[in-house]
Amino acid sequence: MTIALLLTFFVGLVLGLPLVAVLISSCLVPGLLNPAFTANIQFVMRAIIGGGDNTGILAAPLFILSGMIMAKGGISEKIFNVFAYFLGRVPGGFPCAVIITCLFYGAISGSGTATCAAVGAMTIPILLEMGYEKDFSGALVATAAGLGVIIPPSIPFIMYGTATGVSIGSLFIAGIIPGCVIAALLMAYSVFYCVRKGEDKGRIRAKLDALEKIGLFPLLKDSIWALLTPVILLGGIYSGIVTTTEVACISVVYALIVSVFVYKSVKPSEMFTLIREGCRSMAPLALMLAVATAFGRVLTLLQIPATLSAFITSNFSSKVSVLLVMNVVLLFIGMIMDTGPALMILGPMMLPMAAALGINTVHLGIIMVVNMAVGFVTPPFGMTLFVASPICGASPMTIGKKAIPFILTFLVALLLITFIPQISLCLL
């Protein structure tokens, strides 16, 4: 039955069938082959319904909606102007400002592709105007956009937590320091690159003059509501005052107040359209979550996670080698598979192995999501490469080649996060 399930799953993926259909058909195969098996058709249907009956799922569409409202309000530009004002005078200052903007915008959108689209659409034209190469500008934003799924609130953290039962609030808190470490290393490489290649000082000076003409206080006044967003959201979770779903509701209300009444960049009449877009983007993901729950239960009944854990731990003697193998597998999966389904399928499978090795389940979630973030920008299927490509006017493969040093920098951060658990767990 196990072989039949796996064969159905991989054949469906190769044929390019919708992943939901692949998962449902894979779940049903063992029960059809053996009517006495616990996971019959009724069991699978109940598991799917039970997987969808989860209030934690509501957090994802609410964060998506608040990110859409903030994006409509031009929040990324306000954040970028503040950091460009402070960093523009140092070598590589404007690329560093782009990275920090992605860091902060990720705390609003929770999505790598949304961060790439919102920040890239605003910052890439500015970088090109100041003389930076098209491929460098695209690679910079495409890679830094991965911070959007590591800095909380993160949609992949919600996916992993829902699939495994790990506290989503703990995952959010644990993602703060790893996100900052990755951002710091990306900024270090950007400075090195700009010092080695040189910058157009005249154009940079002109941009700085324009920002200085506005003045620091007006810039801060214009951006303070955007900059306070992660503080309010993370403060609520860290203090334990609100749950993840409740803070998602707060994020929508806060985004509405800021965008409609403070910045006045969103009209009340546009809200229905934004809500409709949010539901449209989340509906397939919610169905995927429900079906993945059933898939995970069938895998557990077939003892596939335990078998995989036993195989890996018996063939690799040390914890270090197991972690390295796990990262290689996750990096490969991240290159060819969408983040949400990958986390929902692999998360429950890797939990027994993590338990056998004494790996904290929150730490495992951080490792998995960071690997998926690398997959966002890894050729040939890196999603953010295709988002950044039309904005900067370079092909996805050209951007991907230029992104290789950024990817290597990301991998250095991944190794640090993997083998120094306290980077993730120190705030818990």
Protein backbone atom coordinates (compact mmCIF):
# COMPACT_ATOMS: atom_id res chain seq x y z
CA MET A 1 0.00 0.00 0.00
CA THR A 2 2.86 2.35 0.80
CA ILE A 3 4.43 1.81 -2.62
CA ALA A 4 1.07 2.35 -4.33
CA LEU A 5 0.51 5.61 -2.45
CA LEU A 6 3.97 6.96 -3.26
CA LEU A 7 3.71 5.82 -6.88
CA THR A 8 0.34 7.58 -7.27
CA PHE A 9 1.76 10.72 -5.70
CA PHE A 10 4.85 10.97 -7.91
CA VAL A 11 3.08 9.96 -11.11
CA GLY A 12 0.49 12.67 -10.46
CA LEU A 13 3.22 15.27 -9.96
CA VAL A 14 5.04 14.20 -13.15
CA LEU A 15 1.79 14.41 -15.14
CA GLY A 16 1.25 17.95 -13.85
CA LEU A 17 -2.10 17.23 -12.20
CA PRO A 18 -3.44 19.73 -9.62
CA LEU A 19 -1.73 19.00 -6.32
CA VAL A 20 -5.05 18.76 -4.45
CA ALA A 21 -6.18 16.04 -6.85
CA VAL A 22 -2.84 14.25 -6.45
CA LEU A 23 -3.10 14.29 -2.65
CA ILE A 24 -6.73 13.10 -2.57
CA SER A 25 -6.10 10.26 -5.02
CA SER A 26 -2.98 9.22 -3.07
CA CYS A 27 -4.99 9.17 0.18
CA LEU A 28 -7.68 6.97 -1.36
CA VAL A 29 -5.37 4.37 -2.94
CA PRO A 30 -4.54 2.35 0.25
CA GLY A 31 -8.22 2.07 1.21
CA LEU A 32 -9.19 0.96 -2.31
CA LEU A 33 -6.47 -1.70 -2.37
CA ASN A 34 -7.34 -2.98 1.10
CA PRO A 35 -10.94 -2.33 2.22
CA ALA A 36 -9.99 -3.43 5.74
CA PHE A 37 -7.44 -0.58 6.04
CA THR A 38 -8.45 2.13 8.51
CA ALA A 39 -8.05 4.96 5.98
CA ASN A 40 -11.07 4.16 3.83
CA ILE A 41 -13.03 6.74 1.81
CA GLN A 42 -15.11 7.81 4.84
CA PHE A 43 -11.98 8.26 6.95
CA VAL A 44 -10.31 10.43 4.27
CA MET A 45 -13.41 12.62 3.84
CA ARG A 46 -13.72 13.12 7.61
CA ALA A 47 -10.02 13.98 7.82
CA ILE A 48 -10.36 16.59 5.07
CA ILE A 49 -13.37 18.18 6.77
CA GLY A 50 -11.58 18.08 10.12
CA GLY A 51 -8.48 19.65 8.57
CA GLY A 52 -10.56 22.54 7.27
CA ASP A 53 -12.33 23.02 10.62
CA ASN A 54 -9.38 24.85 12.17
CA THR A 55 -9.44 28.47 13.31
CA GLY A 56 -5.68 28.70 12.82
CA ILE A 57 -6.24 28.61 9.05
CA LEU A 58 -8.02 31.97 9.31
CA ALA A 59 -4.74 33.69 10.17
CA ALA A 60 -3.33 33.17 6.68
CA PRO A 61 -6.10 34.90 4.64
CA LEU A 62 -6.30 37.72 7.18
CA PHE A 63 -2.57 38.42 6.94
CA ILE A 64 -2.82 38.24 3.14
CA LEU A 65 -5.67 40.76 3.23
CA SER A 66 -3.83 43.17 5.52
CA GLY A 67 -0.77 42.90 3.25
CA MET A 68 -2.92 43.76 0.22
CA ILE A 69 -4.37 46.80 1.99
CA MET A 70 -0.91 48.00 3.02
CA ALA A 71 0.45 47.42 -0.49
CA LYS A 72 -2.38 49.49 -1.94
CA GLY A 73 -1.39 52.20 0.52
CA GLY A 74 2.18 52.45 -0.85
CA ILE A 75 3.72 51.37 2.45
CA SER A 76 6.94 50.01 0.92
CA GLU A 77 7.93 53.43 -0.45
CA LYS A 78 7.48 55.10 2.93
CA ILE A 79 9.64 52.47 4.65
CA PHE A 80 12.35 52.65 1.97
CA ASN A 81 12.66 56.44 2.13
CA VAL A 82 13.44 56.38 5.85
CA PHE A 83 16.19 53.75 5.60
CA ALA A 84 17.61 55.31 2.42
CA TYR A 85 17.87 58.63 4.30
CA PHE A 86 20.02 57.02 7.01
CA LEU A 87 22.04 54.55 4.91
CA GLY A 88 22.43 56.39 1.59
CA ARG A 89 25.73 57.99 2.55
CA VAL A 90 27.60 54.71 3.14
CA PRO A 91 28.87 52.44 0.32
CA GLY A 92 26.09 50.10 -0.75
CA GLY A 93 23.66 52.12 1.34
CA PHE A 94 20.75 52.06 -1.09
CA PRO A 95 20.92 48.27 -1.71
CA CYS A 96 21.07 47.83 2.08
CA ALA A 97 18.00 50.05 2.41
CA VAL A 98 16.21 47.75 -0.06
CA ILE A 99 17.06 44.71 2.08
CA ILE A 100 15.80 46.35 5.28
CA THR A 101 12.65 47.43 3.43
CA CYS A 102 12.06 43.77 2.47
CA LEU A 103 12.65 42.84 6.11
CA PHE A 104 10.04 45.30 7.36
CA TYR A 105 7.60 44.69 4.53
CA GLY A 106 7.80 40.96 5.23
CA ALA A 107 6.47 41.76 8.71
CA ILE A 108 3.39 43.18 6.95
CA SER A 109 2.74 40.79 4.06
CA GLY A 110 4.01 37.40 5.34
CA SER A 111 4.71 36.40 1.73
CA GLY A 112 7.91 36.25 -0.32
CA THR A 113 6.27 36.88 -3.68
CA ALA A 114 4.16 39.75 -2.29
CA THR A 115 7.29 41.32 -0.78
CA CYS A 116 9.15 40.96 -4.08
CA ALA A 117 6.30 42.50 -6.06
CA ALA A 118 5.60 45.41 -3.70
CA VAL A 119 9.18 46.33 -2.82
CA GLY A 120 10.58 45.51 -6.26
CA ALA A 121 8.04 47.61 -8.15
CA MET A 122 9.08 50.64 -6.09
CA THR A 123 12.83 50.14 -5.46
CA ILE A 124 14.13 48.53 -8.66
CA PRO A 125 13.35 51.63 -10.80
CA ILE A 126 15.16 53.74 -8.18
CA LEU A 127 18.22 51.45 -8.25
CA LEU A 128 18.30 51.54 -12.06
CA GLU A 129 17.96 55.32 -12.01
CA MET A 130 21.03 55.51 -9.74
CA GLY A 131 23.14 53.40 -12.09
CA TYR A 132 22.96 49.91 -10.58
CA GLU A 133 22.87 47.04 -13.10
CA LYS A 134 19.54 45.50 -14.04
CA ASP A 135 20.54 41.96 -13.10
CA PHE A 136 22.04 43.05 -9.76
CA SER A 137 18.92 45.05 -8.85
CA GLY A 138 16.63 42.15 -9.74
CA ALA A 139 18.80 39.60 -7.90
CA LEU A 140 18.97 41.82 -4.82
CA VAL A 141 15.20 42.20 -4.49
CA ALA A 142 14.43 38.59 -5.51
CA THR A 143 16.74 37.24 -2.81
CA ALA A 144 15.84 39.70 -0.06
CA ALA A 145 12.16 39.00 -0.69
CA GLY A 146 12.77 35.60 0.92
CA LEU A 147 12.84 37.46 4.23
CA GLY A 148 9.09 37.87 3.78
CA VAL A 149 8.51 34.24 4.79
CA ILE A 150 10.98 34.23 7.70
CA ILE A 151 10.15 37.48 9.48
CA PRO A 152 6.76 37.08 11.20
CA PRO A 153 3.94 37.07 10.40
CA SER A 154 4.80 34.33 7.92
CA ILE A 155 2.30 32.36 5.83
CA PRO A 156 4.67 29.32 5.63
CA PHE A 157 4.98 29.30 9.44
CA ILE A 158 1.19 29.09 9.60
CA MET A 159 1.25 26.21 7.10
CA TYR A 160 3.90 24.31 9.07
CA GLY A 161 2.23 24.96 12.42
CA THR A 162 -1.19 23.87 11.15
CA ALA A 163 0.22 20.67 9.63
CA THR A 164 2.33 19.67 12.63
CA GLY A 165 0.54 21.15 15.64
CA VAL A 166 3.55 23.28 16.59
CA SER A 167 2.67 26.64 18.15
CA ILE A 168 2.42 29.25 15.39
CA GLY A 169 3.07 32.04 17.89
CA SER A 170 6.33 30.36 18.94
CA LEU A 171 7.34 30.00 15.28
CA PHE A 172 6.67 33.71 14.72
CA ILE A 173 8.85 34.71 17.66
CA ALA A 174 11.59 32.22 16.69
CA GLY A 175 11.77 33.69 13.16
CA ILE A 176 12.80 37.19 14.29
CA ILE A 177 16.52 36.64 14.96
CA PRO A 178 17.13 34.29 11.97
CA GLY A 179 15.52 36.88 9.68
CA CYS A 180 17.78 39.61 11.07
CA VAL A 181 20.87 37.38 10.69
CA ILE A 182 20.05 36.65 7.05
CA ALA A 183 19.40 40.35 6.36
CA ALA A 184 22.73 41.33 7.98
CA LEU A 185 24.68 38.84 5.83
CA LEU A 186 22.90 39.95 2.64
CA MET A 187 23.73 43.56 3.51
CA ALA A 188 27.38 42.64 4.11
CA TYR A 189 27.62 41.09 0.64
CA SER A 190 25.85 44.10 -0.93
CA VAL A 191 28.39 46.47 0.62
CA PHE A 192 31.26 44.26 -0.59
CA TYR A 193 29.81 44.15 -4.11
CA CYS A 194 29.26 47.91 -4.31
CA VAL A 195 32.75 48.69 -2.99
CA ARG A 196 34.32 46.30 -5.51
CA LYS A 197 32.20 47.38 -8.51
CA GLY A 198 31.84 51.05 -7.63
CA GLU A 199 28.74 53.26 -7.60
CA ASP A 200 27.54 56.35 -9.42
CA LYS A 201 28.14 58.87 -6.64
CA GLY A 202 26.54 61.73 -8.58
CA ARG A 203 23.18 60.00 -9.02
CA ILE A 204 23.20 58.76 -5.44
CA ARG A 205 23.92 62.26 -4.20
CA ALA A 206 21.00 63.61 -6.22
CA LYS A 207 18.62 61.09 -4.64
CA LEU A 208 19.93 61.89 -1.17
CA ASP A 209 19.50 65.60 -1.79
CA ALA A 210 15.86 64.98 -2.70
CA LEU A 211 15.31 63.03 0.52
CA GLU A 212 17.14 65.60 2.62
CA LYS A 213 15.06 68.33 1.05
CA ILE A 214 11.96 66.59 2.42
CA GLY A 215 13.59 66.41 5.85
CA LEU A 216 13.98 63.67 8.44
CA PHE A 217 10.99 64.62 10.58
CA PRO A 218 8.49 64.65 7.67
CA LEU A 219 9.87 61.29 6.47
CA LEU A 220 9.50 59.76 9.92
CA LYS A 221 6.06 61.28 10.35
CA ASP A 222 4.99 59.83 7.00
CA SER A 223 6.36 56.36 7.71
CA ILE A 224 5.90 55.89 11.45
CA TRP A 225 2.54 54.11 11.06
CA ALA A 226 4.10 51.61 8.66
CA LEU A 227 7.17 51.10 10.87
CA LEU A 228 4.96 50.45 13.91
CA THR A 229 3.13 47.57 12.21
CA PRO A 230 5.60 44.77 13.15
CA VAL A 231 5.99 46.22 16.64
CA ILE A 232 2.24 46.05 17.28
CA LEU A 233 1.80 42.59 15.77
CA LEU A 234 4.83 40.95 17.37
CA GLY A 235 4.25 42.74 20.67
CA GLY A 236 0.77 41.24 20.89
CA ILE A 237 2.06 37.71 20.21
CA TYR A 238 5.18 37.97 22.39
CA SER A 239 3.22 39.33 25.36
CA GLY A 240 0.67 36.53 25.07
CA ILE A 241 -2.22 39.02 25.01
CA VAL A 242 -3.60 37.71 21.71
CA THR A 243 -3.45 34.50 19.68
CA THR A 244 -2.09 34.29 16.15
CA THR A 245 -5.58 34.41 14.62
CA GLU A 246 -6.53 37.38 16.81
CA VAL A 247 -3.41 39.31 15.87
CA ALA A 248 -4.24 38.64 12.21
CA CYS A 249 -7.61 40.32 12.80
CA ILE A 250 -5.82 43.23 14.45
CA SER A 251 -3.49 43.52 11.44
CA VAL A 252 -6.48 43.94 9.10
CA VAL A 253 -8.11 46.58 11.31
CA TYR A 254 -4.80 48.42 11.71
CA ALA A 255 -4.13 48.30 7.95
CA LEU A 256 -7.61 49.72 7.31
CA ILE A 257 -7.16 52.57 9.80
CA VAL A 258 -3.71 53.49 8.44
CA SER A 259 -4.52 53.19 4.74
CA VAL A 260 -8.06 54.64 4.76
CA PHE A 261 -7.91 57.30 7.46
CA VAL A 262 -4.21 58.18 7.98
CA TYR A 263 -2.60 57.89 4.52
CA LYS A 264 -5.96 58.06 2.72
CA SER A 265 -4.48 55.92 -0.06
CA VAL A 266 -7.30 53.34 -0.03
CA LYS A 267 -10.91 54.30 -0.64
CA PRO A 268 -13.67 52.52 1.32
CA SER A 269 -15.24 51.57 -2.02
CA GLU A 270 -12.11 49.55 -2.87
CA MET A 271 -12.43 47.28 0.16
CA PHE A 272 -14.79 44.79 -1.49
CA THR A 273 -12.30 44.30 -4.33
CA LEU A 274 -9.43 43.77 -1.89
CA ILE A 275 -11.45 41.28 0.18
CA ARG A 276 -12.41 39.40 -2.98
CA GLU A 277 -8.76 39.23 -4.08
CA GLY A 278 -7.73 38.02 -0.63
CA CYS A 279 -10.34 35.24 -0.66
CA ARG A 280 -9.37 34.26 -4.20
CA SER A 281 -5.71 33.93 -3.28
CA MET A 282 -6.39 32.01 -0.08
CA ALA A 283 -9.17 29.61 -1.14
CA PRO A 284 -6.87 27.14 -2.94
CA LEU A 285 -4.39 27.28 -0.06
CA ALA A 286 -7.11 26.59 2.52
CA LEU A 287 -8.28 23.55 0.53
CA MET A 288 -4.66 22.43 0.30
CA LEU A 289 -4.32 22.66 4.08
CA ALA A 290 -7.42 20.54 4.64
CA VAL A 291 -6.35 17.88 2.14
CA ALA A 292 -2.75 17.87 3.42
CA THR A 293 -4.10 17.12 6.91
CA ALA A 294 -5.79 13.99 5.57
CA PHE A 295 -2.65 13.06 3.62
CA GLY A 296 -0.55 13.36 6.77
CA ARG A 297 -2.92 11.10 8.73
CA VAL A 298 -2.79 8.43 6.04
CA LEU A 299 1.02 8.61 6.01
CA THR A 300 1.02 8.16 9.78
CA LEU A 301 -1.25 5.11 9.58
CA LEU A 302 1.14 3.60 7.02
CA GLN A 303 4.05 4.47 9.37
CA ILE A 304 5.88 6.23 6.55
CA PRO A 305 7.25 9.06 8.77
CA ALA A 306 8.59 6.56 11.31
CA THR A 307 10.11 4.43 8.54
CA LEU A 308 11.79 7.47 6.95
CA SER A 309 13.13 8.57 10.34
CA ALA A 310 14.53 5.09 11.05
CA PHE A 311 16.13 4.88 7.60
CA ILE A 312 17.91 8.25 7.91
CA THR A 313 19.06 7.80 11.50
CA SER A 314 20.33 4.26 10.80
CA ASN A 315 22.30 5.27 7.69
CA PHE A 316 23.76 8.50 9.04
CA SER A 317 25.44 8.11 12.37
CA SER A 318 25.78 11.70 13.61
CA LYS A 319 23.30 14.50 14.18
CA VAL A 320 25.44 16.79 12.01
CA SER A 321 25.29 14.46 8.99
CA VAL A 322 21.53 14.00 9.39
CA LEU A 323 20.98 17.77 9.50
CA LEU A 324 23.16 18.24 6.40
CA VAL A 325 21.23 15.55 4.49
CA MET A 326 17.95 17.07 5.61
CA ASN A 327 19.01 20.51 4.34
CA VAL A 328 20.09 19.10 0.97
CA VAL A 329 16.73 17.34 0.56
CA LEU A 330 14.79 20.45 1.59
CA LEU A 331 16.79 22.69 -0.76
CA PHE A 332 16.04 20.35 -3.65
CA ILE A 333 12.33 20.16 -2.77
CA GLY A 334 12.22 23.96 -2.43
CA MET A 335 13.56 24.30 -5.97
CA ILE A 336 10.82 22.22 -7.58
CA MET A 337 7.80 22.47 -5.26
CA ASP A 338 5.68 25.31 -3.92
CA THR A 339 6.42 26.29 -0.31
CA GLY A 340 3.00 25.64 1.24
CA PRO A 341 2.47 22.08 -0.03
CA ALA A 342 6.10 21.18 0.66
CA LEU A 343 5.83 22.24 4.31
CA MET A 344 2.45 20.57 4.82
CA ILE A 345 3.65 17.27 3.37
CA LEU A 346 7.24 17.16 4.68
CA GLY A 347 6.61 18.70 8.10
CA PRO A 348 4.71 15.73 9.59
CA MET A 349 7.17 13.33 7.92
CA MET A 350 10.21 14.96 9.52
CA LEU A 351 8.82 15.35 13.04
CA PRO A 352 9.67 11.75 14.14
CA MET A 353 13.23 12.19 12.88
CA ALA A 354 13.53 15.48 14.75
CA ALA A 355 12.25 13.83 17.92
CA ALA A 356 14.75 10.98 17.55
CA LEU A 357 17.62 13.44 17.24
CA GLY A 358 16.42 15.77 19.97
CA ILE A 359 15.76 18.64 17.53
CA ASN A 360 13.27 21.18 18.83
CA THR A 361 10.13 21.16 16.64
CA VAL A 362 10.12 24.98 16.47
CA HIS A 363 13.77 24.92 15.36
CA LEU A 364 12.87 22.33 12.72
CA GLY A 365 10.19 24.68 11.39
CA ILE A 366 12.68 27.53 11.10
CA ILE A 367 15.15 25.31 9.23
CA MET A 368 12.46 24.14 6.82
CA VAL A 369 11.14 27.62 6.05
CA VAL A 370 14.63 29.07 5.52
CA ASN A 371 15.30 26.26 3.03
CA MET A 372 12.06 27.10 1.24
CA ALA A 373 13.09 30.77 1.16
CA VAL A 374 16.27 29.80 -0.69
CA GLY A 375 14.08 27.90 -3.16
CA PHE A 376 12.25 31.15 -3.96
CA VAL A 377 15.30 32.46 -5.81
CA THR A 378 16.99 29.25 -7.00
CA PRO A 379 16.95 28.68 -10.79
CA PRO A 380 15.28 27.36 -12.82
CA PHE A 381 11.93 27.62 -10.98
CA GLY A 382 12.60 30.35 -8.41
CA MET A 383 9.29 32.19 -8.04
CA THR A 384 10.71 35.60 -7.14
CA LEU A 385 13.00 35.48 -10.18
CA PHE A 386 9.92 35.56 -12.38
CA VAL A 387 8.34 38.33 -10.30
CA ALA A 388 11.46 40.54 -10.47
CA SER A 389 12.19 39.83 -14.15
CA PRO A 390 9.62 42.12 -15.82
CA ILE A 391 10.27 44.88 -13.27
CA CYS A 392 14.02 45.12 -13.97
CA GLY A 393 13.90 44.11 -17.64
CA ALA A 394 16.24 41.10 -17.35
CA SER A 395 15.44 37.43 -17.94
CA PRO A 396 14.83 35.15 -14.92
CA MET A 397 17.94 33.08 -15.72
CA THR A 398 20.11 36.21 -15.98
CA ILE A 399 18.85 37.34 -12.58
CA GLY A 400 19.35 33.82 -11.24
CA LYS A 401 23.02 33.77 -12.27
CA LYS A 402 23.59 37.15 -10.66
CA ALA A 403 21.82 35.91 -7.53
CA ILE A 404 24.28 33.03 -6.96
CA PRO A 405 26.47 35.02 -4.49
CA PHE A 406 23.31 36.11 -2.65
CA ILE A 407 22.16 32.48 -2.54
CA LEU A 408 25.54 31.39 -1.15
CA THR A 409 25.24 34.09 1.50
CA PHE A 410 21.77 32.79 2.33
CA LEU A 411 23.22 29.26 2.65
CA VAL A 412 25.86 30.49 5.11
CA ALA A 413 23.02 31.90 7.22
CA LEU A 414 21.16 28.58 6.86
CA LEU A 415 24.15 26.65 8.25
CA LEU A 416 24.41 29.03 11.19
CA ILE A 417 20.69 28.70 11.91
CA THR A 418 20.84 24.89 11.56
CA PHE A 419 23.79 24.26 13.86
CA ILE A 420 23.25 27.07 16.38
CA PRO A 421 19.71 26.42 17.62
CA GLN A 422 19.80 29.36 20.02
CA ILE A 423 19.64 31.76 17.05
CA SER A 424 16.06 30.58 16.66
CA LEU A 425 15.18 29.69 20.23
CA CYS A 426 16.76 32.47 22.30
CA LEU A 427 13.55 34.56 22.42
CA LEU A 428 11.27 31.68 23.46
